[in-house]
N, C-alpha and C. Protein backbone atom coordinates (compact mmCIF):
# COMPACT_ATOMS: atom_id res chain seq x y z
N MET A 1 55.10 -1.27 -56.35
CA MET A 1 56.54 -1.29 -56.39
C MET A 1 57.06 0.14 -56.24
N CYS A 2 58.03 0.31 -55.42
CA CYS A 2 58.60 1.64 -55.20
C CYS A 2 60.06 1.62 -55.63
N GLN A 3 60.40 2.54 -56.50
CA GLN A 3 61.79 2.71 -56.90
C GLN A 3 62.21 4.11 -56.50
N HIS A 4 63.42 4.27 -56.07
CA HIS A 4 63.87 5.59 -55.66
C HIS A 4 65.33 5.79 -56.02
N LEU A 5 65.71 7.04 -56.01
CA LEU A 5 67.10 7.39 -56.28
C LEU A 5 67.96 7.04 -55.07
N ARG A 6 69.16 6.65 -55.31
CA ARG A 6 70.07 6.30 -54.23
C ARG A 6 70.84 7.53 -53.71
N GLN A 7 70.69 8.65 -54.40
CA GLN A 7 71.39 9.86 -53.98
C GLN A 7 70.52 11.06 -54.31
N SER A 8 70.85 12.20 -53.75
CA SER A 8 70.11 13.43 -54.01
C SER A 8 70.28 13.87 -55.45
N LEU A 9 69.26 14.53 -55.95
CA LEU A 9 69.38 15.14 -57.27
C LEU A 9 70.37 16.29 -57.18
N PRO A 10 71.23 16.46 -58.19
CA PRO A 10 72.21 17.55 -58.16
C PRO A 10 71.56 18.88 -58.54
N LEU A 11 70.66 19.34 -57.69
CA LEU A 11 69.91 20.58 -57.94
C LEU A 11 70.11 21.50 -56.75
N PRO A 12 69.95 22.81 -56.98
CA PRO A 12 70.00 23.74 -55.84
C PRO A 12 68.94 23.34 -54.81
N SER A 13 69.24 23.56 -53.54
CA SER A 13 68.34 23.11 -52.48
C SER A 13 66.94 23.71 -52.61
N VAL A 14 66.82 24.96 -53.04
CA VAL A 14 65.49 25.56 -53.18
C VAL A 14 64.69 24.83 -54.25
N VAL A 15 65.33 24.42 -55.34
CA VAL A 15 64.64 23.68 -56.40
C VAL A 15 64.24 22.30 -55.91
N ARG A 16 65.13 21.62 -55.18
CA ARG A 16 64.80 20.31 -54.62
C ARG A 16 63.61 20.41 -53.68
N ASN A 17 63.58 21.45 -52.84
CA ASN A 17 62.48 21.62 -51.89
C ASN A 17 61.16 21.87 -52.60
N ILE A 18 61.19 22.69 -53.63
CA ILE A 18 59.97 22.96 -54.40
C ILE A 18 59.51 21.70 -55.11
N ALA A 19 60.44 20.96 -55.70
CA ALA A 19 60.07 19.71 -56.38
C ALA A 19 59.46 18.73 -55.38
N TYR A 20 60.04 18.64 -54.20
CA TYR A 20 59.51 17.76 -53.16
C TYR A 20 58.07 18.12 -52.82
N ARG A 21 57.80 19.41 -52.65
CA ARG A 21 56.44 19.86 -52.29
C ARG A 21 55.46 19.59 -53.42
N ILE A 22 55.89 19.76 -54.67
CA ILE A 22 55.01 19.48 -55.81
C ILE A 22 54.65 18.00 -55.85
N VAL A 23 55.64 17.14 -55.69
CA VAL A 23 55.39 15.70 -55.69
C VAL A 23 54.51 15.33 -54.50
N GLN A 24 54.80 15.89 -53.34
CA GLN A 24 54.00 15.61 -52.15
C GLN A 24 52.54 15.99 -52.38
N GLU A 25 52.30 17.15 -52.92
CA GLU A 25 50.93 17.61 -53.21
C GLU A 25 50.24 16.68 -54.20
N ALA A 26 50.96 16.26 -55.24
CA ALA A 26 50.39 15.36 -56.24
C ALA A 26 50.02 14.01 -55.64
N LEU A 27 50.89 13.48 -54.78
CA LEU A 27 50.60 12.20 -54.15
C LEU A 27 49.39 12.28 -53.22
N VAL A 28 49.35 13.32 -52.41
CA VAL A 28 48.20 13.51 -51.51
C VAL A 28 46.92 13.65 -52.31
N ASN A 29 46.95 14.44 -53.38
CA ASN A 29 45.75 14.62 -54.20
C ASN A 29 45.30 13.32 -54.86
N SER A 30 46.26 12.55 -55.35
CA SER A 30 45.92 11.28 -56.00
C SER A 30 45.24 10.33 -55.02
N LEU A 31 45.72 10.30 -53.80
CA LEU A 31 45.13 9.42 -52.79
C LEU A 31 43.81 9.97 -52.25
N ARG A 32 43.79 11.25 -51.94
CA ARG A 32 42.63 11.84 -51.28
C ARG A 32 41.45 12.06 -52.24
N HIS A 33 41.72 12.56 -53.44
CA HIS A 33 40.63 12.96 -54.33
C HIS A 33 40.37 11.97 -55.45
N ALA A 34 41.38 11.25 -55.90
CA ALA A 34 41.20 10.38 -57.06
C ALA A 34 41.02 8.91 -56.67
N SER A 35 41.21 8.61 -55.40
CA SER A 35 41.12 7.22 -54.93
C SER A 35 42.02 6.30 -55.75
N ALA A 36 43.21 6.76 -56.06
CA ALA A 36 44.14 5.99 -56.88
C ALA A 36 44.72 4.81 -56.10
N SER A 37 44.93 3.71 -56.79
CA SER A 37 45.60 2.56 -56.18
C SER A 37 47.02 2.41 -56.74
N ARG A 38 47.32 3.16 -57.79
CA ARG A 38 48.68 3.16 -58.36
C ARG A 38 49.04 4.60 -58.75
N ILE A 39 50.24 5.01 -58.36
CA ILE A 39 50.74 6.34 -58.69
C ILE A 39 52.17 6.18 -59.19
N ASP A 40 52.46 6.74 -60.35
CA ASP A 40 53.81 6.73 -60.91
C ASP A 40 54.34 8.16 -60.96
N VAL A 41 55.57 8.34 -60.52
CA VAL A 41 56.22 9.65 -60.56
C VAL A 41 57.50 9.50 -61.35
N ASN A 42 57.70 10.39 -62.31
CA ASN A 42 58.91 10.39 -63.12
C ASN A 42 59.51 11.79 -63.04
N ILE A 43 60.76 11.88 -62.62
CA ILE A 43 61.45 13.16 -62.52
C ILE A 43 62.65 13.13 -63.46
N SER A 44 62.71 14.13 -64.34
CA SER A 44 63.87 14.25 -65.21
C SER A 44 64.34 15.70 -65.15
N PHE A 45 65.61 15.89 -65.45
CA PHE A 45 66.14 17.25 -65.38
C PHE A 45 67.30 17.40 -66.34
N GLY A 46 67.53 18.65 -66.68
CA GLY A 46 68.65 19.02 -67.53
C GLY A 46 69.31 20.23 -66.93
N GLU A 47 70.12 20.89 -67.73
CA GLU A 47 70.86 22.04 -67.22
C GLU A 47 69.94 23.14 -66.68
N LYS A 48 68.86 23.45 -67.39
CA LYS A 48 67.93 24.50 -66.95
C LYS A 48 66.49 24.02 -67.03
N ARG A 49 66.27 22.74 -66.72
CA ARG A 49 64.94 22.16 -66.85
C ARG A 49 64.72 21.11 -65.78
N LEU A 50 63.56 21.14 -65.18
CA LEU A 50 63.13 20.09 -64.27
C LEU A 50 61.71 19.72 -64.68
N GLU A 51 61.49 18.44 -64.90
CA GLU A 51 60.17 17.98 -65.32
C GLU A 51 59.70 16.92 -64.34
N ILE A 52 58.50 17.12 -63.82
CA ILE A 52 57.89 16.18 -62.89
C ILE A 52 56.59 15.71 -63.53
N LEU A 53 56.49 14.41 -63.77
CA LEU A 53 55.27 13.83 -64.32
C LEU A 53 54.68 12.89 -63.29
N VAL A 54 53.39 13.05 -63.02
CA VAL A 54 52.70 12.19 -62.06
C VAL A 54 51.48 11.62 -62.76
N TRP A 55 51.39 10.30 -62.75
CA TRP A 55 50.24 9.60 -63.32
C TRP A 55 49.60 8.77 -62.22
N ASP A 56 48.27 8.67 -62.27
CA ASP A 56 47.60 7.74 -61.36
C ASP A 56 46.43 7.08 -62.09
N ASN A 57 45.90 6.05 -61.48
CA ASN A 57 44.76 5.35 -62.07
C ASN A 57 43.46 5.74 -61.39
N GLY A 58 43.42 6.94 -60.85
CA GLY A 58 42.25 7.41 -60.12
C GLY A 58 41.11 7.83 -61.03
N VAL A 59 40.07 8.35 -60.40
CA VAL A 59 38.83 8.68 -61.10
C VAL A 59 38.92 9.95 -61.93
N GLY A 60 39.84 10.84 -61.64
CA GLY A 60 39.99 12.06 -62.43
C GLY A 60 38.96 13.12 -62.07
N ILE A 61 39.08 14.24 -62.73
CA ILE A 61 38.18 15.37 -62.52
C ILE A 61 37.23 15.42 -63.71
N PRO A 62 35.94 15.53 -63.46
CA PRO A 62 34.99 15.61 -64.58
C PRO A 62 35.33 16.78 -65.52
N GLU A 63 35.26 16.53 -66.82
CA GLU A 63 35.62 17.54 -67.82
C GLU A 63 34.82 18.82 -67.65
N ASN A 64 33.53 18.71 -67.32
CA ASN A 64 32.71 19.93 -67.18
C ASN A 64 33.16 20.78 -65.99
N THR A 65 33.76 20.16 -64.97
CA THR A 65 34.30 20.91 -63.84
C THR A 65 35.51 21.73 -64.28
N ILE A 66 36.41 21.13 -65.03
CA ILE A 66 37.60 21.82 -65.52
C ILE A 66 37.21 22.96 -66.45
N GLU A 67 36.27 22.72 -67.36
CA GLU A 67 35.85 23.74 -68.33
C GLU A 67 35.21 24.94 -67.65
N SER A 68 34.58 24.74 -66.50
CA SER A 68 33.90 25.84 -65.82
C SER A 68 34.83 26.72 -65.00
N LEU A 69 36.09 26.31 -64.82
CA LEU A 69 37.04 27.10 -64.02
C LEU A 69 37.71 28.17 -64.86
N SER A 70 38.06 29.28 -64.21
CA SER A 70 38.86 30.29 -64.89
C SER A 70 40.28 29.77 -65.02
N SER A 71 41.10 30.40 -65.86
CA SER A 71 42.46 29.90 -66.09
C SER A 71 43.29 29.90 -64.81
N ASP A 72 43.12 30.86 -63.91
CA ASP A 72 43.87 30.87 -62.65
C ASP A 72 43.46 29.74 -61.73
N ASP A 73 42.18 29.40 -61.73
CA ASP A 73 41.69 28.34 -60.86
C ASP A 73 42.12 26.96 -61.32
N LYS A 74 42.53 26.80 -62.57
CA LYS A 74 42.91 25.48 -63.08
C LYS A 74 44.21 24.98 -62.47
N LYS A 75 44.93 25.82 -61.73
CA LYS A 75 46.15 25.39 -61.07
C LYS A 75 45.84 24.65 -59.77
N PHE A 76 44.62 24.73 -59.28
CA PHE A 76 44.20 24.09 -58.05
C PHE A 76 45.17 24.43 -56.92
N GLY A 77 45.67 23.48 -56.15
CA GLY A 77 46.48 23.75 -54.97
C GLY A 77 47.93 24.10 -55.26
N LEU A 78 48.39 23.92 -56.48
CA LEU A 78 49.80 24.15 -56.76
C LEU A 78 50.21 25.61 -56.65
N LYS A 79 49.30 26.52 -56.85
CA LYS A 79 49.68 27.92 -56.83
C LYS A 79 50.09 28.39 -55.43
N THR A 80 49.76 27.63 -54.39
CA THR A 80 50.10 28.06 -53.04
C THR A 80 51.08 27.12 -52.33
N CYS A 81 51.58 26.11 -53.00
CA CYS A 81 52.39 25.11 -52.29
C CYS A 81 53.85 25.46 -52.18
N CYS A 82 54.31 26.47 -52.86
CA CYS A 82 55.77 26.64 -52.99
C CYS A 82 56.27 27.98 -52.49
N ASN A 83 55.73 28.47 -51.39
CA ASN A 83 56.21 29.68 -50.75
C ASN A 83 56.31 30.88 -51.67
N GLY A 84 55.31 31.07 -52.51
CA GLY A 84 55.28 32.23 -53.37
C GLY A 84 56.04 32.11 -54.66
N HIS A 85 56.75 31.01 -54.89
CA HIS A 85 57.47 30.83 -56.15
C HIS A 85 56.48 30.52 -57.25
N SER A 86 56.69 31.07 -58.41
CA SER A 86 55.81 30.84 -59.55
C SER A 86 55.94 29.42 -60.06
N ILE A 87 54.82 28.85 -60.43
CA ILE A 87 54.80 27.50 -61.01
C ILE A 87 54.36 27.59 -62.44
């Protein structure tokens, strides 16, 4: 089931574009790496806050793989998806 907003989020265009890229990256990763058959995306925002939550029913990343990464590497592809903007 797909639900979507009927209008644009009232956010600055640069924030909307970055949010779009983050969600796009999450969806691609869920399909490509986790073999997910269901993906849920929840976007909420406030005056100075944007929260994007993505859940899937995929296989996940083995815990020992995550533990072996340095703190910078734990960001995976997100550190390069947003034209140099900090995540």
